[in-house]
Amino acid sequence: MKLTDKRFWILLIVIASAAVASAQAVFSVEEISYVEYADAEKEYSRYNVIPADSIPDNKIVNMVLKESKNKFERLDSVTRQEITYFDEGFGFNKQRLLYFPELNLYGFVIPDNPFDDSVWWFDAESGRYLCDAASPTAINANGIYVSQTGHDCDWPLELRFFRRERDEFYEFESYKNTQFNGETIFCQQEDFKLPPIFWHDNNILYLKTYDHKRQKELYLKIKVQQSVGNCEEGGKR
C-alpha cells in the first residue's frame, strides 16, 4: 500500500518528533539530598591532572608553545592588547599549559576577560592544533568536561559540555538556569569538606549551588549522555 503525500508527511513529522524527544531525554537535571551527594562523592571519578610544574620539557611541548605564540601574533592588535591587559603576567611558558594524559591533550590557557578563560587545545602526540574551547571546570574519565561560564557579577549556573573523540573535539550540550548560582562551584568553604563539583561514573555530574528563588543551598545531579551533538568549536578565537 502506497502512502499518500499527506500521510507521508504526517509520518515524517511523527518520526522527527520522536527523535527530538529521544535527544532531549538524555540530559536531565535533578535536585538531590546532601546524603546522596555525599555518598556519590565517596566514589567520584578522579582524573589525572598534571600540574604545570610537572609537565616535562619535550619536543611536543615546545611545538605547542611555539604554535600558541604564532596564533597569538596572528590575532588583531586590539585582541592581543585585551589579553595582556586581562593578565599582566601573560607569556608563552609551561605555566599556561594544561596536560590531560588520558585525553591525550595539551591546552594553552588564554584569558577571554577578567572572569573567564578559553583554551587552545593540541594533540599531545603530534602537537597538532585541534580547536579552542571554554576552560574546563571539571573533567571525567570518559573524555567529557564541563565548563562554568564566568561573569562579572550575579553568576547564573551556565554550563557547557565538551568532548574529545579521536580527532574530533566539540561542544555537545549546554545548560543555563538563572535561578541557580554558578559561582558557588568555585568556592570551597572551610566548613564544607566535599568538593563543590565532581563527576561520577556513567557521565553523571554532581554540584553544589545556591537557589536564589528559595534562598537556600542545594545539590544537583546532572545526567549527561551524548546523542545529537552540536559539533561546533566551543571557543571564540
C-alpha atoms as a PDB file:
ATOM      1  CA  MET A   1       0.000   0.000   0.000  1.00  0.00           C
ATOM      2  CA  LYS A   2       1.419   3.327  -1.033  1.00  0.00           C
ATOM      3  CA  LEU A   3       1.433   6.307   1.277  1.00  0.00           C
ATOM      4  CA  THR A   4      -0.328   9.420   0.067  1.00  0.00           C
ATOM      5  CA  ASP A   5       1.632  12.659   0.231  1.00  0.00           C
ATOM      6  CA  LYS A   6      -0.356  13.779   3.267  1.00  0.00           C
ATOM      7  CA  ARG A   7       0.177  10.515   5.171  1.00  0.00           C
ATOM      8  CA  PHE A   8       3.856  10.526   4.261  1.00  0.00           C
ATOM      9  CA  TRP A   9       4.419  13.968   5.761  1.00  0.00           C
ATOM     10  CA  ILE A  10       2.443  13.104   8.884  1.00  0.00           C
ATOM     11  CA  LEU A  11       4.610  10.003   9.358  1.00  0.00           C
ATOM     12  CA  LEU A  12       7.773  12.045   8.790  1.00  0.00           C
ATOM     13  CA  ILE A  13       6.720  14.609  11.425  1.00  0.00           C
ATOM     14  CA  VAL A  14       5.979  11.834  13.947  1.00  0.00           C
ATOM     15  CA  ILE A  15       9.407  10.260  13.382  1.00  0.00           C
ATOM     16  CA  ALA A  16      11.157  13.632  13.703  1.00  0.00           C
ATOM     17  CA  SER A  17       9.252  14.432  16.904  1.00  0.00           C
ATOM     18  CA  ALA A  18      10.251  11.087  18.391  1.00  0.00           C
ATOM     19  CA  ALA A  19      13.889  11.754  17.533  1.00  0.00           C
ATOM     20  CA  VAL A  20      13.769  15.169  19.227  1.00  0.00           C
ATOM     21  CA  ALA A  21      12.125  13.689  22.333  1.00  0.00           C
ATOM     22  CA  SER A  22      14.793  10.989  22.468  1.00  0.00           C
ATOM     23  CA  ALA A  23      17.584  13.558  22.201  1.00  0.00           C
ATOM     24  CA  GLN A  24      16.073  15.671  24.977  1.00  0.00           C
ATOM     25  CA  ALA A  25      15.656  12.669  27.267  1.00  0.00           C
ATOM     26  CA  VAL A  26      19.400  12.014  27.534  1.00  0.00           C
ATOM     27  CA  PHE A  27      20.036  15.208  29.544  1.00  0.00           C
ATOM     28  CA  SER A  28      18.381  15.659  32.924  1.00  0.00           C
ATOM     29  CA  VAL A  29      18.822  17.876  35.992  1.00  0.00           C
ATOM     30  CA  GLU A  30      17.597  16.653  39.372  1.00  0.00           C
ATOM     31  CA  GLU A  31      17.748  18.121  42.870  1.00  0.00           C
ATOM     32  CA  ILE A  32      19.098  15.615  45.392  1.00  0.00           C
ATOM     33  CA  SER A  33      19.734  15.421  49.134  1.00  0.00           C
ATOM     34  CA  TYR A  34      23.031  16.089  50.883  1.00  0.00           C
ATOM     35  CA  VAL A  35      23.173  12.389  51.825  1.00  0.00           C
ATOM     36  CA  GLU A  36      23.017  11.281  48.172  1.00  0.00           C
ATOM     37  CA  TYR A  37      25.613  13.908  47.250  1.00  0.00           C
ATOM     38  CA  ALA A  38      27.977  12.751  49.997  1.00  0.00           C
ATOM     39  CA  ASP A  39      27.516   9.089  49.068  1.00  0.00           C
ATOM     40  CA  ALA A  40      28.311   9.797  45.423  1.00  0.00           C
ATOM     41  CA  GLU A  41      31.460  11.706  46.398  1.00  0.00           C
ATOM     42  CA  LYS A  42      32.903   8.587  48.025  1.00  0.00           C
ATOM     43  CA  GLU A  43      33.292   7.013  44.585  1.00  0.00           C
ATOM     44  CA  TYR A  44      33.626  10.011  42.316  1.00  0.00           C
ATOM     45  CA  SER A  45      35.562   9.845  39.068  1.00  0.00           C
ATOM     46  CA  ARG A  46      39.078  11.086  39.799  1.00  0.00           C
ATOM     47  CA  TYR A  47      41.013  12.412  36.865  1.00  0.00           C
ATOM     48  CA  ASN A  48      44.739  12.683  36.340  1.00  0.00           C
ATOM     49  CA  VAL A  49      45.600  16.375  36.007  1.00  0.00           C
ATOM     50  CA  ILE A  50      49.320  17.054  35.623  1.00  0.00           C
ATOM     51  CA  PRO A  51      50.460  20.271  37.386  1.00  0.00           C
ATOM     52  CA  ALA A  52      52.220  22.773  35.124  1.00  0.00           C
ATOM     53  CA  ASP A  53      55.444  22.458  37.126  1.00  0.00           C
ATOM     54  CA  SER A  54      55.473  18.699  36.458  1.00  0.00           C
ATOM     55  CA  ILE A  55      54.980  18.875  32.675  1.00  0.00           C
ATOM     56  CA  PRO A  56      58.224  17.601  31.162  1.00  0.00           C
ATOM     57  CA  ASP A  57      60.155  19.598  28.583  1.00  0.00           C
ATOM     58  CA  ASN A  58      59.948  17.796  25.251  1.00  0.00           C
ATOM     59  CA  LYS A  59      59.561  18.354  21.543  1.00  0.00           C
ATOM     60  CA  ILE A  60      55.738  18.399  21.633  1.00  0.00           C
ATOM     61  CA  VAL A  61      55.569  20.894  24.492  1.00  0.00           C
ATOM     62  CA  ASN A  62      57.911  23.205  22.603  1.00  0.00           C
ATOM     63  CA  MET A  63      55.753  22.834  19.474  1.00  0.00           C
ATOM     64  CA  VAL A  64      52.621  23.714  21.442  1.00  0.00           C
ATOM     65  CA  LEU A  65      54.201  26.805  22.974  1.00  0.00           C
ATOM     66  CA  LYS A  66      55.604  27.921  19.615  1.00  0.00           C
ATOM     67  CA  GLU A  67      52.292  27.471  17.805  1.00  0.00           C
ATOM     68  CA  SER A  68      50.442  29.261  20.629  1.00  0.00           C
ATOM     69  CA  LYS A  69      52.781  32.215  20.218  1.00  0.00           C
ATOM     70  CA  ASN A  70      52.237  32.185  16.445  1.00  0.00           C
ATOM     71  CA  LYS A  71      48.457  32.081  16.922  1.00  0.00           C
ATOM     72  CA  PHE A  72      48.649  34.977  19.382  1.00  0.00           C
ATOM     73  CA  GLU A  73      50.691  37.061  16.950  1.00  0.00           C
ATOM     74  CA  ARG A  74      48.100  36.436  14.213  1.00  0.00           C
ATOM     75  CA  LEU A  75      45.346  37.950  16.370  1.00  0.00           C
ATOM     76  CA  ASP A  76      44.386  41.551  15.730  1.00  0.00           C
ATOM     77  CA  SER A  77      46.108  44.203  17.828  1.00  0.00           C
ATOM     78  CA  VAL A  78      43.013  45.003  19.920  1.00  0.00           C
ATOM     79  CA  THR A  79      42.539  41.353  20.950  1.00  0.00           C
ATOM     80  CA  ARG A  80      46.243  40.986  21.807  1.00  0.00           C
ATOM     81  CA  GLN A  81      46.078  44.112  23.937  1.00  0.00           C
ATOM     82  CA  GLU A  82      42.977  42.851  25.766  1.00  0.00           C
ATOM     83  CA  ILE A  83      44.655  39.528  26.582  1.00  0.00           C
ATOM     84  CA  THR A  84      47.749  41.151  28.072  1.00  0.00           C
ATOM     85  CA  TYR A  85      45.544  43.643  29.927  1.00  0.00           C
ATOM     86  CA  PHE A  86      43.452  40.867  31.496  1.00  0.00           C
ATOM     87  CA  ASP A  87      46.618  39.027  32.570  1.00  0.00           C
ATOM     88  CA  GLU A  88      49.698  41.164  33.163  1.00  0.00           C
ATOM     89  CA  GLY A  89      51.853  38.060  33.600  1.00  0.00           C
ATOM     90  CA  PHE A  90      50.796  36.563  30.275  1.00  0.00           C
ATOM     91  CA  GLY A  91      53.587  34.713  28.482  1.00  0.00           C
ATOM     92  CA  PHE A  92      54.397  31.632  26.448  1.00  0.00           C
ATOM     93  CA  ASN A  93      55.646  29.170  29.032  1.00  0.00           C
ATOM     94  CA  LYS A  94      54.563  25.962  30.748  1.00  0.00           C
ATOM     95  CA  GLN A  95      52.758  27.881  33.477  1.00  0.00           C
ATOM     96  CA  ARG A  96      49.940  28.457  30.984  1.00  0.00           C
ATOM     97  CA  LEU A  97      49.714  24.816  29.926  1.00  0.00           C
ATOM     98  CA  LEU A  98      47.165  22.153  30.840  1.00  0.00           C
ATOM     99  CA  TYR A  99      48.036  18.494  30.339  1.00  0.00           C
ATOM    100  CA  PHE A 100      45.500  15.677  30.432  1.00  0.00           C
ATOM    101  CA  PRO A 101      47.293  12.424  29.524  1.00  0.00           C
ATOM    102  CA  GLU A 102      44.154  10.241  29.363  1.00  0.00           C
ATOM    103  CA  LEU A 103      42.595  12.628  26.847  1.00  0.00           C
ATOM    104  CA  ASN A 104      45.942  12.995  25.083  1.00  0.00           C
ATOM    105  CA  LEU A 105      45.641  16.785  25.239  1.00  0.00           C
ATOM    106  CA  TYR A 106      47.760  19.838  25.890  1.00  0.00           C
ATOM    107  CA  GLY A 107      45.923  23.100  26.418  1.00  0.00           C
ATOM    108  CA  PHE A 108      47.221  26.666  26.309  1.00  0.00           C
ATOM    109  CA  VAL A 109      45.105  28.944  28.507  1.00  0.00           C
ATOM    110  CA  ILE A 110      44.031  32.291  27.042  1.00  0.00           C
ATOM    111  CA  PRO A 111      42.152  34.892  29.140  1.00  0.00           C
ATOM    112  CA  ASP A 112      38.892  35.959  27.481  1.00  0.00           C
ATOM    113  CA  ASN A 113      38.087  38.556  30.119  1.00  0.00           C
ATOM    114  CA  PRO A 114      38.863  39.119  33.840  1.00  0.00           C
ATOM    115  CA  PHE A 115      36.354  36.395  34.784  1.00  0.00           C
ATOM    116  CA  ASP A 116      36.763  33.686  32.151  1.00  0.00           C
ATOM    117  CA  ASP A 117      39.365  31.817  30.099  1.00  0.00           C
ATOM    118  CA  SER A 118      39.396  29.801  26.912  1.00  0.00           C
ATOM    119  CA  VAL A 119      41.871  27.103  25.928  1.00  0.00           C
ATOM    120  CA  TRP A 120      43.709  26.343  22.697  1.00  0.00           C
ATOM    121  CA  TRP A 121      43.775  22.543  22.553  1.00  0.00           C
ATOM    122  CA  PHE A 122      46.540  20.493  20.931  1.00  0.00           C
ATOM    123  CA  ASP A 123      47.021  16.778  20.366  1.00  0.00           C
ATOM    124  CA  ALA A 124      49.630  15.562  22.872  1.00  0.00           C
ATOM    125  CA  GLU A 125      51.207  13.072  20.462  1.00  0.00           C
ATOM    126  CA  SER A 126      51.580  15.148  17.318  1.00  0.00           C
ATOM    127  CA  GLY A 127      51.353  18.705  18.641  1.00  0.00           C
ATOM    128  CA  ARG A 128      48.620  19.398  16.079  1.00  0.00           C
ATOM    129  CA  TYR A 129      46.202  22.216  16.895  1.00  0.00           C
ATOM    130  CA  LEU A 130      42.632  20.956  17.386  1.00  0.00           C
ATOM    131  CA  CYS A 131      40.396  23.876  18.368  1.00  0.00           C
ATOM    132  CA  ASP A 132      39.727  26.468  21.022  1.00  0.00           C
ATOM    133  CA  ALA A 133      37.079  25.894  23.651  1.00  0.00           C
ATOM    134  CA  ALA A 134      35.973  27.044  27.092  1.00  0.00           C
ATOM    135  CA  SER A 135      38.262  26.342  30.041  1.00  0.00           C
ATOM    136  CA  PRO A 136      37.430  23.093  31.918  1.00  0.00           C
ATOM    137  CA  THR A 137      35.860  23.276  35.387  1.00  0.00           C
ATOM    138  CA  ALA A 138      35.598  19.507  35.980  1.00  0.00           C
ATOM    139  CA  ILE A 139      36.734  16.563  33.837  1.00  0.00           C
ATOM    140  CA  ASN A 140      35.644  12.946  33.816  1.00  0.00           C
ATOM    141  CA  ALA A 141      37.410   9.781  32.735  1.00  0.00           C
ATOM    142  CA  ASN A 142      35.228   9.309  29.638  1.00  0.00           C
ATOM    143  CA  GLY A 143      36.636  12.264  27.733  1.00  0.00           C
ATOM    144  CA  ILE A 144      33.971  14.787  28.748  1.00  0.00           C
ATOM    145  CA  TYR A 145      34.493  18.045  30.608  1.00  0.00           C
ATOM    146  CA  VAL A 146      32.169  20.763  31.820  1.00  0.00           C
ATOM    147  CA  SER A 147      32.859  24.491  31.888  1.00  0.00           C
ATOM    148  CA  GLN A 148      31.062  27.087  34.004  1.00  0.00           C
ATOM    149  CA  THR A 149      30.934  30.425  32.186  1.00  0.00           C
ATOM    150  CA  GLY A 150      32.394  33.324  34.166  1.00  0.00           C
ATOM    151  CA  HIS A 151      30.603  36.650  34.682  1.00  0.00           C
ATOM    152  CA  ASP A 152      31.429  39.952  36.316  1.00  0.00           C
ATOM    153  CA  CYS A 153      28.600  39.616  38.859  1.00  0.00           C
ATOM    154  CA  ASP A 154      25.440  37.617  39.636  1.00  0.00           C
ATOM    155  CA  TRP A 155      26.743  34.449  38.023  1.00  0.00           C
ATOM    156  CA  PRO A 156      23.938  32.179  36.758  1.00  0.00           C
ATOM    157  CA  LEU A 157      24.584  28.460  36.547  1.00  0.00           C
ATOM    158  CA  GLU A 158      25.729  28.303  32.924  1.00  0.00           C
ATOM    159  CA  LEU A 159      27.346  25.015  31.965  1.00  0.00           C
ATOM    160  CA  ARG A 160      28.848  23.945  28.638  1.00  0.00           C
ATOM    161  CA  PHE A 161      29.799  20.337  27.918  1.00  0.00           C
ATOM    162  CA  PHE A 162      32.693  19.340  25.649  1.00  0.00           C
ATOM    163  CA  ARG A 163      34.067  16.039  24.436  1.00  0.00           C
ATOM    164  CA  ARG A 164      37.089  14.696  22.625  1.00  0.00           C
ATOM    165  CA  GLU A 165      36.516  11.660  20.410  1.00  0.00           C
ATOM    166  CA  ARG A 166      39.525  10.580  18.378  1.00  0.00           C
ATOM    167  CA  ASP A 167      40.438  13.630  16.238  1.00  0.00           C
ATOM    168  CA  GLU A 168      37.203  15.485  16.971  1.00  0.00           C
ATOM    169  CA  PHE A 169      36.716  17.985  19.772  1.00  0.00           C
ATOM    170  CA  TYR A 170      33.327  19.616  20.162  1.00  0.00           C
ATOM    171  CA  GLU A 171      30.679  21.120  22.406  1.00  0.00           C
ATOM    172  CA  PHE A 172      27.625  18.851  22.528  1.00  0.00           C
ATOM    173  CA  GLU A 173      25.383  20.188  25.304  1.00  0.00           C
ATOM    174  CA  SER A 174      24.711  23.291  27.401  1.00  0.00           C
ATOM    175  CA  TYR A 175      22.555  24.210  30.381  1.00  0.00           C
ATOM    176  CA  LYS A 176      21.710  27.623  31.843  1.00  0.00           C
ATOM    177  CA  ASN A 177      19.452  28.455  34.787  1.00  0.00           C
ATOM    178  CA  THR A 178      19.397  31.935  36.312  1.00  0.00           C
ATOM    179  CA  GLN A 179      17.648  30.584  39.418  1.00  0.00           C
ATOM    180  CA  PHE A 180      20.892  28.863  40.447  1.00  0.00           C
ATOM    181  CA  ASN A 181      24.225  30.469  41.318  1.00  0.00           C
ATOM    182  CA  GLY A 182      27.165  29.351  39.174  1.00  0.00           C
ATOM    183  CA  GLU A 183      29.932  30.912  41.276  1.00  0.00           C
ATOM    184  CA  THR A 184      29.444  28.548  44.222  1.00  0.00           C
ATOM    185  CA  ILE A 185      31.142  25.667  42.382  1.00  0.00           C
ATOM    186  CA  PHE A 186      34.427  27.596  42.626  1.00  0.00           C
ATOM    187  CA  CYS A 187      34.067  28.318  46.348  1.00  0.00           C
ATOM    188  CA  GLN A 188      35.382  25.676  48.726  1.00  0.00           C
ATOM    189  CA  GLN A 189      34.009  26.631  52.149  1.00  0.00           C
ATOM    190  CA  GLU A 190      36.111  25.715  55.191  1.00  0.00           C
ATOM    191  CA  ASP A 191      33.176  24.018  56.909  1.00  0.00           C
ATOM    192  CA  PHE A 192      32.232  22.026  53.781  1.00  0.00           C
ATOM    193  CA  LYS A 193      34.725  19.208  53.194  1.00  0.00           C
ATOM    194  CA  LEU A 194      33.206  17.809  49.986  1.00  0.00           C
ATOM    195  CA  PRO A 195      34.178  19.163  46.547  1.00  0.00           C
ATOM    196  CA  PRO A 196      31.586  21.639  45.183  1.00  0.00           C
ATOM    197  CA  ILE A 197      31.575  19.881  41.798  1.00  0.00           C
ATOM    198  CA  PHE A 198      32.623  16.413  40.616  1.00  0.00           C
ATOM    199  CA  TRP A 199      31.882  13.682  38.091  1.00  0.00           C
ATOM    200  CA  HIS A 200      30.650  10.206  38.925  1.00  0.00           C
ATOM    201  CA  ASP A 201      30.528   7.125  36.696  1.00  0.00           C
ATOM    202  CA  ASN A 202      28.232   6.973  33.654  1.00  0.00           C
ATOM    203  CA  ASN A 203      28.698  10.689  32.935  1.00  0.00           C
ATOM    204  CA  ILE A 204      26.797  11.980  35.965  1.00  0.00           C
ATOM    205  CA  LEU A 205      27.801  15.432  37.218  1.00  0.00           C
ATOM    206  CA  TYR A 206      27.192  16.470  40.834  1.00  0.00           C
ATOM    207  CA  LEU A 207      27.417  20.039  42.043  1.00  0.00           C
ATOM    208  CA  LYS A 208      26.529  22.306  44.926  1.00  0.00           C
ATOM    209  CA  THR A 209      24.749  25.568  44.170  1.00  0.00           C
ATOM    210  CA  TYR A 210      22.536  28.281  45.674  1.00  0.00           C
ATOM    211  CA  ASP A 211      18.873  28.677  44.774  1.00  0.00           C
ATOM    212  CA  HIS A 212      18.095  32.405  44.587  1.00  0.00           C
ATOM    213  CA  LYS A 213      14.339  31.843  44.485  1.00  0.00           C
ATOM    214  CA  ARG A 214      14.185  29.669  47.599  1.00  0.00           C
ATOM    215  CA  GLN A 215      17.245  31.316  49.199  1.00  0.00           C
ATOM    216  CA  LYS A 216      18.943  28.072  50.162  1.00  0.00           C
ATOM    217  CA  GLU A 217      21.897  25.891  49.218  1.00  0.00           C
ATOM    218  CA  LEU A 218      21.084  22.716  47.342  1.00  0.00           C
ATOM    219  CA  TYR A 219      22.667  19.867  45.390  1.00  0.00           C
ATOM    220  CA  LEU A 220      22.104  18.918  41.756  1.00  0.00           C
ATOM    221  CA  LYS A 221      22.657  15.711  39.812  1.00  0.00           C
ATOM    222  CA  ILE A 222      23.023  16.205  36.063  1.00  0.00           C
ATOM    223  CA  LYS A 223      22.942  13.175  33.769  1.00  0.00           C
ATOM    224  CA  VAL A 224      24.771  13.714  30.508  1.00  0.00           C
ATOM    225  CA  GLN A 225      24.709  11.334  27.568  1.00  0.00           C
ATOM    226  CA  GLN A 226      25.865  12.430  24.174  1.00  0.00           C
ATOM    227  CA  SER A 227      23.298  11.999  21.433  1.00  0.00           C
ATOM    228  CA  VAL A 228      22.730  14.522  18.683  1.00  0.00           C
ATOM    229  CA  GLY A 229      25.733  16.735  19.267  1.00  0.00           C
ATOM    230  CA  ASN A 230      26.403  20.346  18.453  1.00  0.00           C
ATOM    231  CA  CYS A 231      29.639  19.621  16.602  1.00  0.00           C
ATOM    232  CA  GLU A 232      30.956  23.156  16.593  1.00  0.00           C
ATOM    233  CA  GLU A 233      34.105  24.510  18.115  1.00  0.00           C
ATOM    234  CA  GLY A 234      33.408  25.935  21.504  1.00  0.00           C
ATOM    235  CA  GLY A 235      35.817  28.842  21.655  1.00  0.00           C
ATOM    236  CA  LYS A 236      35.961  32.371  20.356  1.00  0.00           C
ATOM    237  CA  ARG A 237      39.354  32.619  18.715  1.00  0.00           C
END
